[in-house]
PDB file of N, CA and C in Angstrom:
ATOM      1  N   MET A   1     124.578  69.431-155.327  1.00  0.00           N
ATOM      2  CA  MET A   1     126.403  68.870-156.670  1.00  0.00           C
ATOM      3  C   MET A   1     125.490  67.131-156.544  1.00  0.00           C
ATOM      4  N   GLU A   2     125.156  66.603-155.968  1.00  0.00           N
ATOM      5  CA  GLU A   2     124.238  65.157-156.758  1.00  0.00           C
ATOM      6  C   GLU A   2     123.584  65.734-157.882  1.00  0.00           C
ATOM      7  N   LYS A   3     122.831  66.059-158.416  1.00  0.00           N
ATOM      8  CA  LYS A   3     122.705  66.197-159.730  1.00  0.00           C
ATOM      9  C   LYS A   3     123.661  66.036-160.765  1.00  0.00           C
ATOM     10  N   GLU A   4     124.404  67.863-160.503  1.00  0.00           N
ATOM     11  CA  GLU A   4     125.934  67.500-161.533  1.00  0.00           C
ATOM     12  C   GLU A   4     126.377  66.044-161.533  1.00  0.00           C
ATOM     13  N   ILE A   5     127.146  65.728-160.671  1.00  0.00           N
ATOM     14  CA  ILE A   5     127.325  64.380-160.794  1.00  0.00           C
ATOM     15  C   ILE A   5     126.635  63.399-161.498  1.00  0.00           C
ATOM     16  N   ASN A   6     125.493  63.475-161.330  1.00  0.00           N
ATOM     17  CA  ASN A   6     124.798  62.402-161.618  1.00  0.00           C
ATOM     18  C   ASN A   6     124.804  62.196-163.345  1.00  0.00           C
ATOM     19  N   ALA A   7     124.350  64.166-163.568  1.00  0.00           N
ATOM     20  CA  ALA A   7     124.535  64.271-165.016  1.00  0.00           C
ATOM     21  C   ALA A   7     126.094  64.228-165.633  1.00  0.00           C
ATOM     22  N   ALA A   8     126.662  64.681-164.781  1.00  0.00           N
ATOM     23  CA  ALA A   8     128.505  64.202-165.774  1.00  0.00           C
ATOM     24  C   ALA A   8     128.406  62.927-165.742  1.00  0.00           C
ATOM     25  N   GLU A   9     127.848  62.023-165.247  1.00  0.00           N
ATOM     26  CA  GLU A   9     127.622  60.291-164.948  1.00  0.00           C
ATOM     27  C   GLU A   9     127.728  59.476-166.443  1.00  0.00           C
ATOM     28  N   MET A  10     126.330  60.248-166.289  1.00  0.00           N
ATOM     29  CA  MET A  10     125.496  59.526-168.183  1.00  0.00           C
ATOM     30  C   MET A  10     125.837  61.161-168.508  1.00  0.00           C
ATOM     31  N   ARG A  11     127.217  61.966-168.914  1.00  0.00           N
ATOM     32  CA  ARG A  11     127.331  62.417-170.129  1.00  0.00           C
ATOM     33  C   ARG A  11     128.703  61.410-170.377  1.00  0.00           C
ATOM     34  N   PHE A  12     129.338  61.052-169.637  1.00  0.00           N
ATOM     35  CA  PHE A  12     130.471  60.312-169.497  1.00  0.00           C
ATOM     36  C   PHE A  12     129.990  58.795-170.315  1.00  0.00           C
ATOM     37  N   LEU A  13     129.279  58.340-170.083  1.00  0.00           N
ATOM     38  CA  LEU A  13     128.813  56.867-170.216  1.00  0.00           C
ATOM     39  C   LEU A  13     127.993  56.996-172.151  1.00  0.00           C
ATOM     40  N   ARG A  14     127.775  58.178-172.127  1.00  0.00           N
ATOM     41  CA  ARG A  14     126.986  58.244-173.260  1.00  0.00           C
ATOM     42  C   ARG A  14     128.390  58.677-174.547  1.00  0.00           C
ATOM     43  N   ARG A  15     129.674  59.610-174.325  1.00  0.00           N
ATOM     44  CA  ARG A  15     130.195  59.898-174.660  1.00  0.00           C
ATOM     45  C   ARG A  15     130.803  58.078-175.090  1.00  0.00           C
ATOM     46  N   PHE A  16     131.482  57.080-173.801  1.00  0.00           N
ATOM     47  CA  PHE A  16     132.376  56.170-173.975  1.00  0.00           C
ATOM     48  C   PHE A  16     131.137  55.147-175.141  1.00  0.00           C
ATOM     49  N   MET A  17     130.108  55.102-174.802  1.00  0.00           N
ATOM     50  CA  MET A  17     129.200  54.312-175.771  1.00  0.00           C
ATOM     51  C   MET A  17     128.685  54.678-177.109  1.00  0.00           C
ATOM     52  N   LYS A  18     129.564  56.526-177.411  1.00  0.00           N
ATOM     53  CA  LYS A  18     129.276  57.045-178.476  1.00  0.00           C
ATOM     54  C   LYS A  18     128.204  57.553-179.228  1.00  0.00           C
ATOM     55  N   ILE A  19     127.156  57.406-177.889  1.00  0.00           N
ATOM     56  CA  ILE A  19     125.632  58.381-178.305  1.00  0.00           C
ATOM     57  C   ILE A  19     125.697  59.717-178.469  1.00  0.00           C
ATOM     58  N   SER A  20     125.741  60.219-179.960  1.00  0.00           N
ATOM     59  CA  SER A  20     125.695  61.382-180.281  1.00  0.00           C
ATOM     60  C   SER A  20     123.938  62.148-179.046  1.00  0.00           C
ATOM     61  N   GLY A  21     124.456  63.152-178.406  1.00  0.00           N
ATOM     62  CA  GLY A  21     123.506  64.434-177.870  1.00  0.00           C
ATOM     63  C   GLY A  21     122.645  64.272-178.198  1.00  0.00           C
ATOM     64  N   THR A  22     122.343  64.371-179.713  1.00  0.00           N
ATOM     65  CA  THR A  22     120.407  65.259-180.314  1.00  0.00           C
ATOM     66  C   THR A  22     120.353  63.564-180.396  1.00  0.00           C
ATOM     67  N   SER A  23     120.462  62.333-180.082  1.00  0.00           N
ATOM     68  CA  SER A  23     119.008  61.141-180.000  1.00  0.00           C
ATOM     69  C   SER A  23     118.909  61.323-178.991  1.00  0.00           C
ATOM     70  N   HIS A  24     117.777  60.882-179.264  1.00  0.00           N
ATOM     71  CA  HIS A  24     116.686  61.084-178.061  1.00  0.00           C
ATOM     72  C   HIS A  24     116.785  60.478-177.693  1.00  0.00           C
ATOM     73  N   THR A  25     117.443  59.608-176.485  1.00  0.00           N
ATOM     74  CA  THR A  25     117.974  57.966-175.608  1.00  0.00           C
ATOM     75  C   THR A  25     117.694  58.033-174.346  1.00  0.00           C
ATOM     76  N   SER A  26     117.016  57.829-173.588  1.00  0.00           N
ATOM     77  CA  SER A  26     116.708  58.409-172.230  1.00  0.00           C
ATOM     78  C   SER A  26     117.630  57.460-171.335  1.00  0.00           C
ATOM     79  N   ASN A  27     118.253  57.914-170.375  1.00  0.00           N
ATOM     80  CA  ASN A  27     118.797  57.783-169.347  1.00  0.00           C
ATOM     81  C   ASN A  27     118.680  56.227-168.817  1.00  0.00           C
ATOM     82  N   GLU A  28     117.742  56.146-169.011  1.00  0.00           N
ATOM     83  CA  GLU A  28     117.045  54.491-168.208  1.00  0.00           C
ATOM     84  C   GLU A  28     118.051  53.423-169.885  1.00  0.00           C
ATOM     85  N   ASP A  29     117.967  53.582-171.060  1.00  0.00           N
ATOM     86  CA  ASP A  29     118.064  53.465-172.259  1.00  0.00           C
ATOM     87  C   ASP A  29     119.679  53.229-172.111  1.00  0.00           C
ATOM     88  N   VAL A  30     120.277  54.396-171.565  1.00  0.00           N
ATOM     89  CA  VAL A  30     121.838  54.300-171.508  1.00  0.00           C
ATOM     90  C   VAL A  30     122.448  53.341-170.687  1.00  0.00           C
ATOM     91  N   LEU A  31     122.531  53.281-169.822  1.00  0.00           N
ATOM     92  CA  LEU A  31     121.832  52.262-168.555  1.00  0.00           C
ATOM     93  C   LEU A  31     121.747  51.255-168.737  1.00  0.00           C
ATOM     94  N   LYS A  32     120.684  50.790-169.589  1.00  0.00           N
ATOM     95  CA  LYS A  32     120.868  49.405-169.706  1.00  0.00           C
ATOM     96  C   LYS A  32     121.543  49.084-170.812  1.00  0.00           C
ATOM     97  N   GLN A  33     122.689  49.501-171.704  1.00  0.00           N
ATOM     98  CA  GLN A  33     123.260  49.417-172.771  1.00  0.00           C
ATOM     99  C   GLN A  33     124.588  49.204-171.930  1.00  0.00           C
ATOM    100  N   SER A  34     124.777  50.380-171.512  1.00  0.00           N
ATOM    101  CA  SER A  34     126.026  49.635-171.016  1.00  0.00           C
ATOM    102  C   SER A  34     126.181  48.942-169.734  1.00  0.00           C
ATOM    103  N   GLY A  35     125.263  48.053-169.284  1.00  0.00           N
ATOM    104  CA  GLY A  35     125.423  47.130-168.507  1.00  0.00           C
ATOM    105  C   GLY A  35     125.507  47.717-166.818  1.00  0.00           C
ATOM    106  N   TYR A  36     125.152  48.583-166.818  1.00  0.00           N
ATOM    107  CA  TYR A  36     125.074  49.148-164.856  1.00  0.00           C
ATOM    108  C   TYR A  36     123.759  49.223-165.178  1.00  0.00           C
ATOM    109  N   GLU A  37     123.467  48.598-163.657  1.00  0.00           N
ATOM    110  CA  GLU A  37     121.942  48.491-162.960  1.00  0.00           C
ATOM    111  C   GLU A  37     121.583  49.937-162.674  1.00  0.00           C
ATOM    112  N   LYS A  38     122.174  50.452-162.422  1.00  0.00           N
ATOM    113  CA  LYS A  38     122.121  52.049-161.800  1.00  0.00           C
ATOM    114  C   LYS A  38     123.772  53.036-161.297  1.00  0.00           C
ATOM    115  N   ARG A  39     122.706  54.292-161.351  1.00  0.00           N
ATOM    116  CA  ARG A  39     124.619  54.935-161.315  1.00  0.00           C
ATOM    117  C   ARG A  39     125.666  54.805-160.100  1.00  0.00           C
ATOM    118  N   LYS A  40     126.755  54.437-160.633  1.00  0.00           N
ATOM    119  CA  LYS A  40     127.826  54.352-159.110  1.00  0.00           C
ATOM    120  C   LYS A  40     128.749  55.339-159.655  1.00  0.00           C
ATOM    121  N   LEU A  41     128.625  56.803-159.867  1.00  0.00           N
ATOM    122  CA  LEU A  41     129.455  57.815-159.601  1.00  0.00           C
ATOM    123  C   LEU A  41     129.675  57.659-158.137  1.00  0.00           C
ATOM    124  N   LEU A  42     128.240  58.993-157.677  1.00  0.00           N
ATOM    125  CA  LEU A  42     128.273  59.350-156.413  1.00  0.00           C
ATOM    126  C   LEU A  42     128.448  58.133-155.527  1.00  0.00           C
ATOM    127  N   GLN A  43     128.419  57.115-155.543  1.00  0.00           N
ATOM    128  CA  GLN A  43     128.147  55.754-155.068  1.00  0.00           C
ATOM    129  C   GLN A  43     130.424  55.933-154.604  1.00  0.00           C
ATOM    130  N   ILE A  44     130.773  55.901-155.737  1.00  0.00           N
ATOM    131  CA  ILE A  44     132.742  55.883-155.260  1.00  0.00           C
ATOM    132  C   ILE A  44     132.724  57.396-155.067  1.00  0.00           C
ATOM    133  N   ILE A  45     132.286  58.695-155.260  1.00  0.00           N
ATOM    134  CA  ILE A  45     133.067  59.329-154.740  1.00  0.00           C
ATOM    135  C   ILE A  45     132.405  60.137-152.884  1.00  0.00           C
ATOM    136  N   ARG A  46     131.033  58.779-152.683  1.00  0.00           N
ATOM    137  CA  ARG A  46     131.330  59.174-150.932  1.00  0.00           C
ATOM    138  C   ARG A  46     131.980  57.694-150.216  1.00  0.00           C
ATOM    139  N   ARG A  47     131.998  57.157-151.227  1.00  0.00           N
ATOM    140  CA  ARG A  47     132.558  56.124-150.141  1.00  0.00           C
ATOM    141  C   ARG A  47     134.031  56.289-150.290  1.00  0.00           C
ATOM    142  N   GLY A  48     134.860  57.807-151.150  1.00  0.00           N
ATOM    143  CA  GLY A  48     136.504  57.968-150.646  1.00  0.00           C
ATOM    144  C   GLY A  48     136.573  59.038-149.717  1.00  0.00           C
ATOM    145  N   GLN A  49     135.017  59.922-149.856  1.00  0.00           N
ATOM    146  CA  GLN A  49     135.221  60.682-148.684  1.00  0.00           C
ATOM    147  C   GLN A  49     134.442  60.249-147.788  1.00  0.00           C
ATOM    148  N   LEU A  50     134.022  58.944-146.951  1.00  0.00           N
ATOM    149  CA  LEU A  50     134.230  58.270-146.025  1.00  0.00           C
ATOM    150  C   LEU A  50     135.410  58.445-145.324  1.00  0.00           C
ATOM    151  N   LYS A  51     135.734  57.275-146.248  1.00  0.00           N
ATOM    152  CA  LYS A  51     137.286  56.757-146.240  1.00  0.00           C
ATOM    153  C   LYS A  51     138.476  57.887-145.764  1.00  0.00           C
ATOM    154  N   PHE A  52     138.231  58.956-146.425  1.00  0.00           N
ATOM    155  CA  PHE A  52     139.157  60.552-146.437  1.00  0.00           C
ATOM    156  C   PHE A  52     138.680  60.424-144.837  1.00  0.00           C
ATOM    157  N   PHE A  53     137.227  60.685-144.393  1.00  0.00           N
ATOM    158  CA  PHE A  53     136.946  61.970-143.286  1.00  0.00           C
ATOM    159  C   PHE A  53     137.895  60.721-142.086  1.00  0.00           C
ATOM    160  N   ASP A  54     137.389  59.165-142.510  1.00  0.00           N
ATOM    161  CA  ASP A  54     137.475  58.234-141.475  1.00  0.00           C
ATOM    162  C   ASP A  54     139.024  58.111-140.778  1.00  0.00           C
ATOM    163  N   HIS A  55     140.019  58.458-142.182  1.00  0.00           N
ATOM    164  CA  HIS A  55     141.744  58.783-141.940  1.00  0.00           C
ATOM    165  C   HIS A  55     141.897  60.274-141.068  1.00  0.00           C
ATOM    166  N   ILE A  56     141.465  61.321-141.309  1.00  0.00           N
ATOM    167  CA  ILE A  56     141.458  61.852-140.878  1.00  0.00           C
ATOM    168  C   ILE A  56     141.465  62.244-139.014  1.00  0.00           C
ATOM    169  N   MET A  57     140.249  61.752-138.973  1.00  0.00           N
ATOM    170  CA  MET A  57     139.640  62.126-137.605  1.00  0.00           C
ATOM    171  C   MET A  57     140.551  60.662-136.939  1.00  0.00           C
ATOM    172  N   ARG A  58     140.785  60.098-137.123  1.00  0.00           N
ATOM    173  CA  ARG A  58     141.839  59.589-136.156  1.00  0.00           C
ATOM    174  C   ARG A  58     143.123  59.611-136.273  1.00  0.00           C
ATOM    175  N   ASN A  59     144.035  61.088-137.132  1.00  0.00           N
ATOM    176  CA  ASN A  59     144.834  61.397-136.298  1.00  0.00           C
ATOM    177  C   ASN A  59     144.730  62.733-135.007  1.00  0.00           C
ATOM    178  N   GLU A  60     145.546  62.895-134.285  1.00  0.00           N
ATOM    179  CA  GLU A  60     145.503  64.246-133.733  1.00  0.00           C
ATOM    180  C   GLU A  60     146.597  65.646-134.764  1.00  0.00           C
ATOM    181  N   ARG A  61     146.090  65.598-135.666  1.00  0.00           N
ATOM    182  CA  ARG A  61     147.312  66.456-136.313  1.00  0.00           C
ATOM    183  C   ARG A  61     146.155  67.532-136.876  1.00  0.00           C
ATOM    184  N   MET A  62     146.224  68.519-137.773  1.00  0.00           N
ATOM    185  CA  MET A  62     146.325  69.978-137.980  1.00  0.00           C
ATOM    186  C   MET A  62     145.130  70.081-139.077  1.00  0.00           C
ATOM    187  N   GLU A  63     144.713  68.692-139.662  1.00  0.00           N
ATOM    188  CA  GLU A  63     143.741  68.366-140.262  1.00  0.00           C
ATOM    189  C   GLU A  63     142.906  68.067-139.272  1.00  0.00           C
ATOM    190  N   ASN A  64     142.826  67.492-138.237  1.00  0.00           N
ATOM    191  CA  ASN A  64     141.776  67.285-137.391  1.00  0.00           C
ATOM    192  C   ASN A  64     140.668  67.669-137.248  1.00  0.00           C
ATOM    193  N   LEU A  65     141.782  69.358-136.244  1.00  0.00           N
ATOM    194  CA  LEU A  65     141.679  70.298-136.201  1.00  0.00           C
ATOM    195  C   LEU A  65     140.554  71.471-137.031  1.00  0.00           C
ATOM    196  N   THR A  66     141.143  71.197-138.513  1.00  0.00           N
ATOM    197  CA  THR A  66     140.477  72.229-139.454  1.00  0.00           C
ATOM    198  C   THR A  66     139.333  71.637-139.694  1.00  0.00           C
ATOM    199  N   THR A  67     139.182  70.447-139.808  1.00  0.00           N
ATOM    200  CA  THR A  67     137.809  69.813-140.601  1.00  0.00           C
ATOM    201  C   THR A  67     136.891  69.943-139.441  1.00  0.00           C
ATOM    202  N   THR A  68     136.691  70.360-137.664  1.00  0.00           N
ATOM    203  CA  THR A  68     136.474  69.774-137.087  1.00  0.00           C
ATOM    204  C   THR A  68     135.631  70.998-136.704  1.00  0.00           C
ATOM    205  N   GLY A  69     136.384  72.090-137.585  1.00  0.00           N
ATOM    206  CA  GLY A  69     136.177  73.473-136.908  1.00  0.00           C
ATOM    207  C   GLY A  69     136.717  73.707-135.962  1.00  0.00           C
ATOM    208  N   LYS A  70     137.714  72.898-135.398  1.00  0.00           N
ATOM    209  CA  LYS A  70     138.273  74.162-133.475  1.00  0.00           C
ATOM    210  C   LYS A  70     139.432  74.637-134.098  1.00  0.00           C
ATOM    211  N   ILE A  71     139.718  75.014-135.199  1.00  0.00           N
ATOM    212  CA  ILE A  71     140.585  76.240-135.549  1.00  0.00           C
ATOM    213  C   ILE A  71     139.647  77.029-136.465  1.00  0.00           C
ATOM    214  N   ALA A  72     139.803  78.644-136.186  1.00  0.00           N
ATOM    215  CA  ALA A  72     138.535  79.570-137.192  1.00  0.00           C
ATOM    216  C   ALA A  72     139.121  80.194-138.108  1.00  0.00           C
ATOM    217  N   GLU A  73     138.382  80.082-139.133  1.00  0.00           N
ATOM    218  CA  GLU A  73     139.139  80.468-140.736  1.00  0.00           C
ATOM    219  C   GLU A  73     137.949  82.252-140.706  1.00  0.00           C
ATOM    220  N   LYS A  74     138.478  82.649-141.883  1.00  0.00           N
ATOM    221  CA  LYS A  74     137.986  84.136-142.008  1.00  0.00           C
ATOM    222  C   LYS A  74     136.903  83.283-142.882  1.00  0.00           C
ATOM    223  N   ARG A  75     135.387  84.543-142.395  1.00  0.00           N
ATOM    224  CA  ARG A  75     134.504  84.019-143.138  1.00  0.00           C
ATOM    225  C   ARG A  75     134.345  84.298-144.863  1.00  0.00           C
ATOM    226  N   ASP A  76     133.842  84.264-145.337  1.00  0.00           N
ATOM    227  CA  ASP A  76     132.700  84.556-146.508  1.00  0.00           C
ATOM    228  C   ASP A  76     132.018  85.998-145.688  1.00  0.00           C
ATOM    229  N   ARG A  77     131.860  86.388-146.467  1.00  0.00           N
ATOM    230  CA  ARG A  77     131.003  87.672-146.662  1.00  0.00           C
ATOM    231  C   ARG A  77     129.588  87.233-147.239  1.00  0.00           C
ATOM    232  N   CYS A  78     130.085  86.778-148.412  1.00  0.00           N
ATOM    233  CA  CYS A  78     128.974  85.897-149.349  1.00  0.00           C
ATOM    234  C   CYS A  78     127.533  84.605-148.455  1.00  0.00           C
ATOM    235  N   GLN A  79     127.356  83.665-149.240  1.00  0.00           N
ATOM    236  CA  GLN A  79     126.585  83.454-148.743  1.00  0.00           C
ATOM    237  C   GLN A  79     127.408  82.084-148.061  1.00  0.00           C
ATOM    238  N   GLN A  80     127.444  81.488-146.845  1.00  0.00           N
ATOM    239  CA  GLN A  80     128.401  80.060-146.469  1.00  0.00           C
ATOM    240  C   GLN A  80     128.531  79.332-147.273  1.00  0.00           C
ATOM    241  N   ARG A  81     129.333  78.392-147.463  1.00  0.00           N
ATOM    242  CA  ARG A  81     129.395  77.375-147.516  1.00  0.00           C
ATOM    243  C   ARG A  81     129.524  75.937-147.220  1.00  0.00           C
ATOM    244  N   ILE A  82     128.681  75.299-147.238  1.00  0.00           N
ATOM    245  CA  ILE A  82     128.083  73.993-146.365  1.00  0.00           C
ATOM    246  C   ILE A  82     129.768  73.552-146.365  1.00  0.00           C
ATOM    247  N   THR A  83     130.153  73.031-145.389  1.00  0.00           N
ATOM    248  CA  THR A  83     131.382  71.904-144.443  1.00  0.00           C
ATOM    249  C   THR A  83     131.366  70.701-144.876  1.00  0.00           C
ATOM    250  N   PHE A  84     132.544  70.061-145.122  1.00  0.00           N
ATOM    251  CA  PHE A  84     132.480  68.945-145.464  1.00  0.00           C
ATOM    252  C   PHE A  84     132.238  68.121-144.042  1.00  0.00           C
ATOM    253  N   VAL A  85     131.951  68.745-142.680  1.00  0.00           N
ATOM    254  CA  VAL A  85     131.552  67.689-141.212  1.00  0.00           C
ATOM    255  C   VAL A  85     130.265  68.230-141.957  1.00  0.00           C
ATOM    256  N   LYS A  86     128.937  69.140-141.993  1.00  0.00           N
ATOM    257  CA  LYS A  86     128.336  69.408-142.016  1.00  0.00           C
ATOM    258  C   LYS A  86     127.566  68.399-143.460  1.00  0.00           C
ATOM    259  N   SER A  87     128.209  67.968-144.567  1.00  0.00           N
ATOM    260  CA  SER A  87     127.183  67.945-146.257  1.00  0.00           C
ATOM    261  C   SER A  87     127.203  65.905-145.276  1.00  0.00           C
ATOM    262  N   LEU A  88     128.606  65.582-143.934  1.00  0.00           N
ATOM    263  CA  LEU A  88     128.543  64.433-144.149  1.00  0.00           C
ATOM    264  C   LEU A  88     127.241  64.053-143.128  1.00  0.00           C
ATOM    265  N   CYS A  89     127.329  65.174-141.715  1.00  0.00           N
ATOM    266  CA  CYS A  89     125.766  64.926-141.297  1.00  0.00           C
ATOM    267  C   CYS A  89     124.641  64.628-141.812  1.00  0.00           C
ATOM    268  N   HIS A  90     124.426  65.393-143.205  1.00  0.00           N
ATOM    269  CA  HIS A  90     123.981  65.699-143.501  1.00  0.00           C
ATOM    270  C   HIS A  90     122.851  64.325-144.632  1.00  0.00           C
ATOM    271  N   LEU A  91     124.606  63.455-144.750  1.00  0.00           N
ATOM    272  CA  LEU A  91     124.231  62.119-144.921  1.00  0.00           C
ATOM    273  C   LEU A  91     124.283  61.300-144.338  1.00  0.00           C
ATOM    274  N   PHE A  92     124.413  61.106-143.498  1.00  0.00           N
ATOM    275  CA  PHE A  92     124.105  60.261-142.734  1.00  0.00           C
ATOM    276  C   PHE A  92     122.558  60.811-140.889  1.00  0.00           C
ATOM    277  N   ASN A  93     122.138  62.220-141.780  1.00  0.00           N
ATOM    278  CA  ASN A  93     120.899  62.567-140.998  1.00  0.00           C
ATOM    279  C   ASN A  93     121.016  61.799-139.745  1.00  0.00           C
ATOM    280  N   ILE A  94     122.097  63.318-138.577  1.00  0.00           N
ATOM    281  CA  ILE A  94     122.801  63.410-137.790  1.00  0.00           C
ATOM    282  C   ILE A  94     123.116  64.288-137.399  1.00  0.00           C
ATOM    283  N   THR A  95     123.709  64.885-135.707  1.00  0.00           N
ATOM    284  CA  THR A  95     123.986  65.829-135.574  1.00  0.00           C
ATOM    285  C   THR A  95     126.022  66.192-135.616  1.00  0.00           C
ATOM    286  N   GLN A  96     125.969  66.342-135.713  1.00  0.00           N
ATOM    287  CA  GLN A  96     127.632  66.887-136.085  1.00  0.00           C
ATOM    288  C   GLN A  96     128.058  66.494-134.290  1.00  0.00           C
ATOM    289  N   PHE A  97     127.880  66.389-133.570  1.00  0.00           N
ATOM    290  CA  PHE A  97     128.746  65.641-132.474  1.00  0.00           C
ATOM    291  C   PHE A  97     128.061  63.881-132.446  1.00  0.00           C
ATOM    292  N   GLN A  98     127.521  63.486-132.464  1.00  0.00           N
ATOM    293  CA  GLN A  98     126.562  62.326-132.837  1.00  0.00           C
ATOM    294  C   GLN A  98     128.154  61.771-134.033  1.00  0.00           C
ATOM    295  N   LEU A  99     128.243  62.785-134.646  1.00  0.00           N
ATOM    296  CA  LEU A  99     129.109  61.836-135.985  1.00  0.00           C
ATOM    297  C   LEU A  99     129.986  61.870-135.692  1.00  0.00           C
ATOM    298  N   LEU A 100     131.099  62.847-134.694  1.00  0.00           N
ATOM    299  CA  LEU A 100     132.736  63.423-134.530  1.00  0.00           C
ATOM    300  C   LEU A 100     132.497  61.839-132.926  1.00  0.00           C
ATOM    301  N   GLN A 101     131.957  61.318-132.543  1.00  0.00           N
ATOM    302  CA  GLN A 101     131.482  60.348-131.074  1.00  0.00           C
ATOM    303  C   GLN A 101     131.376  59.149-132.075  1.00  0.00           C
ATOM    304  N   SER A 102     130.494  58.796-133.444  1.00  0.00           N
ATOM    305  CA  SER A 102     130.825  57.321-133.896  1.00  0.00           C
ATOM    306  C   SER A 102     132.261  57.411-134.689  1.00  0.00           C
ATOM    307  N   VAL A 103     133.159  58.263-135.314  1.00  0.00           N
ATOM    308  CA  VAL A 103     134.063  57.827-136.163  1.00  0.00           C
ATOM    309  C   VAL A 103     135.049  57.274-134.848  1.00  0.00           C
ATOM    310  N   GLU A 104     135.048  57.582-133.212  1.00  0.00           N
ATOM    311  CA  GLU A 104     136.090  56.892-132.742  1.00  0.00           C
ATOM    312  C   GLU A 104     134.950  55.727-132.616  1.00  0.00           C
ATOM    313  N   ASP A 105     134.456  54.639-132.556  1.00  0.00           N
ATOM    314  CA  ASP A 105     133.743  53.517-132.660  1.00  0.00           C
ATOM    315  C   ASP A 105     133.933  52.995-134.019  1.00  0.00           C
ATOM    316  N   ARG A 106     135.236  52.335-133.807  1.00  0.00           N
ATOM    317  CA  ARG A 106     135.436  51.752-135.518  1.00  0.00           C
ATOM    318  C   ARG A 106     134.839  50.989-136.276  1.00  0.00           C
ATOM    319  N   VAL A 107     134.219  50.108-135.371  1.00  0.00           N
ATOM    320  CA  VAL A 107     132.770  48.908-135.635  1.00  0.00           C
ATOM    321  C   VAL A 107     131.271  49.854-136.117  1.00  0.00           C
ATOM    322  N   LEU A 108     130.869  50.320-135.169  1.00  0.00           N
ATOM    323  CA  LEU A 108     129.896  51.853-135.512  1.00  0.00           C
ATOM    324  C   LEU A 108     130.397  52.394-136.385  1.00  0.00           C
ATOM    325  N   TRP A 109     131.493  52.801-137.196  1.00  0.00           N
ATOM    326  CA  TRP A 109     131.421  54.084-138.315  1.00  0.00           C
ATOM    327  C   TRP A 109     130.934  52.771-139.332  1.00  0.00           C
ATOM    328  N   ARG A 110     131.887  51.746-139.267  1.00  0.00           N
ATOM    329  CA  ARG A 110     131.863  50.952-141.056  1.00  0.00           C
ATOM    330  C   ARG A 110     130.984  50.799-141.039  1.00  0.00           C
ATOM    331  N   SER A 111     129.595  49.890-139.912  1.00  0.00           N
ATOM    332  CA  SER A 111     128.315  50.064-140.022  1.00  0.00           C
ATOM    333  C   SER A 111     127.756  50.976-140.372  1.00  0.00           C
ATOM    334  N   MET A 112     127.921  52.117-140.213  1.00  0.00           N
ATOM    335  CA  MET A 112     126.709  53.884-140.845  1.00  0.00           C
ATOM    336  C   MET A 112     127.508  53.454-141.673  1.00  0.00           C
ATOM    337  N   VAL A 113     128.979  53.240-142.511  1.00  0.00           N
ATOM    338  CA  VAL A 113     129.320  53.457-143.893  1.00  0.00           C
ATOM    339  C   VAL A 113     128.510  53.030-144.547  1.00  0.00           C
ATOM    340  N   ALA A 114     128.424  51.800-144.186  1.00  0.00           N
ATOM    341  CA  ALA A 114     127.861  50.607-144.882  1.00  0.00           C
ATOM    342  C   ALA A 114     126.526  50.522-145.437  1.00  0.00           C
ATOM    343  N   ASN A 115     125.828  50.969-143.905  1.00  0.00           N
ATOM    344  CA  ASN A 115     124.359  51.307-144.699  1.00  0.00           C
ATOM    345  C   ASN A 115     124.097  52.912-145.600  1.00  0.00           C
ATOM    346  N   VAL A 116     124.819  53.911-145.334  1.00  0.00           N
ATOM    347  CA  VAL A 116     124.310  54.838-146.332  1.00  0.00           C
ATOM    348  C   VAL A 116     125.668  54.245-147.249  1.00  0.00           C
ATOM    349  N   LEU A 117     125.937  53.488-147.798  1.00  0.00           N
ATOM    350  CA  LEU A 117     126.017  53.188-149.572  1.00  0.00           C
ATOM    351  C   LEU A 117     125.109  52.076-149.950  1.00  0.00           C
ATOM    352  N   LYS A 118     125.009  51.115-149.218  1.00  0.00           N
ATOM    353  CA  LYS A 118     123.570  49.828-149.470  1.00  0.00           C
ATOM    354  C   LYS A 118     122.603  51.049-150.160  1.00  0.00           C
ATOM    355  N   GLY A 119     122.258  52.426-149.273  1.00  0.00           N
ATOM    356  CA  GLY A 119     120.886  52.490-149.995  1.00  0.00           C
ATOM    357  C   GLY A 119     121.252  53.955-149.903  1.00  0.00           C
TER     358      GLY A 119
END
């Protein structure tokens, strides 16, 4: 999914700067011309996802139960989709249990989010 988001960001920048698709301009050149040092769209999306997850996990409501998987849902017969919690575990490189424990400690969670968004 990250590759598609990065490709979309470059497509958006090319449109804003009116660079045609047939011109052979590299992505680095487009970033330099736009004034960006690096791509930002994926970081903005990740920040929003992490803020949403933090908000959901602080409340003991239905969203919390469905996000953590405590309410079972019907499974698809095809390839299983990666869940929101599992994608965050992959992002932080920790287990699901460690993720759910770290959300409860606000200081630890904010430091983890800051580290992920930096690098």
